[in-house]
Amino acid sequence: MPNNFNTPFNALAASNYSSDLFEASGIIKSSSGILFGISGFYNGIVARFFQIYNSSGVPATGEVPVIVIRVGAKNNFSWNIGRARGILLSSGIFWTLSNQADSLVGTGTGALVCALYD
């Protein structure tokens, strides 16, 4: 996979994604996009892994996440590469909670998630 962290973008064209409820997963963008940052609050009582996949929907079994953040119980989380650069996800931008860091296994109680993307 090429290095996707050096993709310039037009900062004025960025869009916002916000989950409406506590959710276990969500589609930020269903087509190719550039992710600049994410933040959220995880409402579960045990730690989980917040994952971003290069996918337009639920990832295939064995697919490896692009970004992984360990999130403690009832805790905030964030990841920000900045508005001058982003990470290109050619298939789409999908997030989920998982019991494992390196793959999608189970889900958490739910999270409120915000993302900045193009």
Protein backbone atom coordinates (compact mmCIF):
# COMPACT_ATOMS: atom_id res chain seq x y z
CA MET A 1 0.00 0.00 0.00
CA PRO A 2 1.42 3.43 -0.89
CA ASN A 3 2.13 6.06 1.74
CA ASN A 4 -1.22 7.87 1.99
CA PHE A 5 -0.16 10.44 4.58
CA ASN A 6 1.17 13.04 2.11
CA THR A 7 -1.95 13.96 0.18
CA PRO A 8 -2.55 17.73 -0.18
CA PHE A 9 -6.14 18.95 -0.05
CA ASN A 10 -8.30 22.02 -0.20
CA ALA A 11 -9.04 22.87 3.45
CA LEU A 12 -12.14 24.86 2.49
CA ALA A 13 -13.77 21.77 0.95
CA ALA A 14 -13.69 19.66 4.13
CA SER A 15 -16.95 18.06 5.34
CA ASN A 16 -18.06 17.04 8.82
CA TYR A 17 -19.51 13.71 9.97
CA SER A 18 -21.29 13.28 13.30
CA SER A 19 -23.02 10.16 14.61
CA ASP A 20 -26.53 10.90 15.86
CA LEU A 21 -26.59 8.31 18.63
CA PHE A 22 -24.20 5.97 20.42
CA GLU A 23 -23.29 3.59 17.61
CA ALA A 24 -20.97 0.59 17.23
CA SER A 25 -19.93 1.52 13.66
CA GLY A 26 -20.62 3.95 10.86
CA ILE A 27 -19.85 5.03 7.32
CA ILE A 28 -18.11 8.40 7.24
CA LYS A 29 -17.85 8.38 3.45
CA SER A 30 -18.96 5.62 1.06
CA SER A 31 -16.47 6.54 -1.67
CA SER A 32 -12.83 7.60 -1.89
CA GLY A 33 -11.99 10.29 0.64
CA ILE A 34 -9.33 12.00 2.71
CA LEU A 35 -9.60 11.79 6.49
CA PHE A 36 -8.13 14.68 8.47
CA GLY A 37 -9.23 13.92 12.01
CA ILE A 38 -11.67 12.11 14.28
CA SER A 39 -12.81 12.51 17.85
CA GLY A 40 -15.42 10.94 20.02
CA PHE A 41 -16.65 9.52 23.29
CA TYR A 42 -16.89 5.78 23.97
CA ASN A 43 -19.71 4.84 26.35
CA GLY A 44 -18.74 1.22 27.14
CA ILE A 45 -17.67 -0.21 30.51
CA VAL A 46 -14.59 -2.09 29.18
CA ALA A 47 -11.82 -0.87 26.88
CA ARG A 48 -12.22 -1.36 23.12
CA PHE A 49 -10.32 -0.47 19.95
CA PHE A 50 -11.67 2.27 17.72
CA GLN A 51 -10.76 1.43 14.13
CA ILE A 52 -10.82 3.18 10.77
CA TYR A 53 -10.97 1.04 7.63
CA ASN A 54 -10.40 1.82 3.95
CA SER A 55 -13.86 0.53 3.15
CA SER A 56 -17.28 1.76 2.06
CA GLY A 57 -19.03 -0.59 4.51
CA VAL A 58 -18.40 -3.37 7.00
CA PRO A 59 -14.90 -4.67 6.20
CA ALA A 60 -14.28 -8.16 4.92
CA THR A 61 -13.05 -10.79 7.38
CA GLY A 62 -9.32 -10.44 7.86
CA GLU A 63 -9.12 -6.86 6.57
CA VAL A 64 -6.63 -4.82 8.61
CA PRO A 65 -7.63 -1.38 9.94
CA VAL A 66 -5.73 1.71 8.77
CA ILE A 67 -5.99 3.52 12.12
CA VAL A 68 -6.40 1.95 15.57
CA ILE A 69 -6.98 3.82 18.83
CA ARG A 70 -7.27 2.03 22.18
CA VAL A 71 -10.16 3.61 24.06
CA GLY A 72 -10.67 3.17 27.78
CA ALA A 73 -14.10 2.70 29.35
CA LYS A 74 -16.27 5.83 29.39
CA ASN A 75 -13.51 7.82 27.72
CA ASN A 76 -12.82 10.42 25.02
CA PHE A 77 -10.55 9.67 22.06
CA SER A 78 -9.11 11.56 19.10
CA TRP A 79 -6.76 11.32 16.13
CA ASN A 80 -5.72 14.32 14.07
CA ILE A 81 -3.28 14.47 11.18
CA GLY A 82 -4.05 18.15 10.59
CA ARG A 83 -5.86 20.14 7.95
CA ALA A 84 -2.76 20.60 5.81
CA ARG A 85 -2.51 16.86 5.11
CA GLY A 86 -4.81 13.89 5.37
CA ILE A 87 -4.85 10.16 4.86
CA LEU A 88 -6.30 9.00 1.55
CA LEU A 89 -8.74 6.10 1.83
CA SER A 90 -9.46 5.02 -1.73
CA SER A 91 -12.50 2.79 -1.08
CA GLY A 92 -14.30 4.78 1.60
CA ILE A 93 -14.06 5.74 5.28
CA PHE A 94 -15.64 3.32 7.75
CA TRP A 95 -15.26 3.27 11.55
CA THR A 96 -16.06 0.60 14.10
CA LEU A 97 -15.36 -0.58 17.63
CA SER A 98 -13.63 -3.92 18.11
CA ASN A 99 -12.45 -6.27 20.85
CA GLN A 100 -9.11 -6.74 19.01
CA ALA A 101 -6.61 -4.17 17.71
CA ASP A 102 -5.70 -5.86 14.42
CA SER A 103 -9.11 -6.93 13.12
CA LEU A 104 -12.84 -6.48 13.57
CA VAL A 105 -13.98 -8.85 16.33
CA GLY A 106 -17.16 -8.01 18.20
CA THR A 107 -18.22 -4.46 18.92
CA GLY A 108 -18.52 -2.12 21.83
CA THR A 109 -21.53 -0.57 23.48
CA GLY A 110 -21.32 2.50 21.32
CA ALA A 111 -19.58 5.76 20.64
CA LEU A 112 -20.41 9.25 19.56
CA VAL A 113 -18.04 10.10 16.69
CA CYS A 114 -17.15 13.26 14.79
CA ALA A 115 -14.86 13.35 11.75
CA LEU A 116 -13.42 15.91 9.37
CA TYR A 117 -12.96 14.59 5.82
CA ASP A 118 -13.03 15.52 2.16
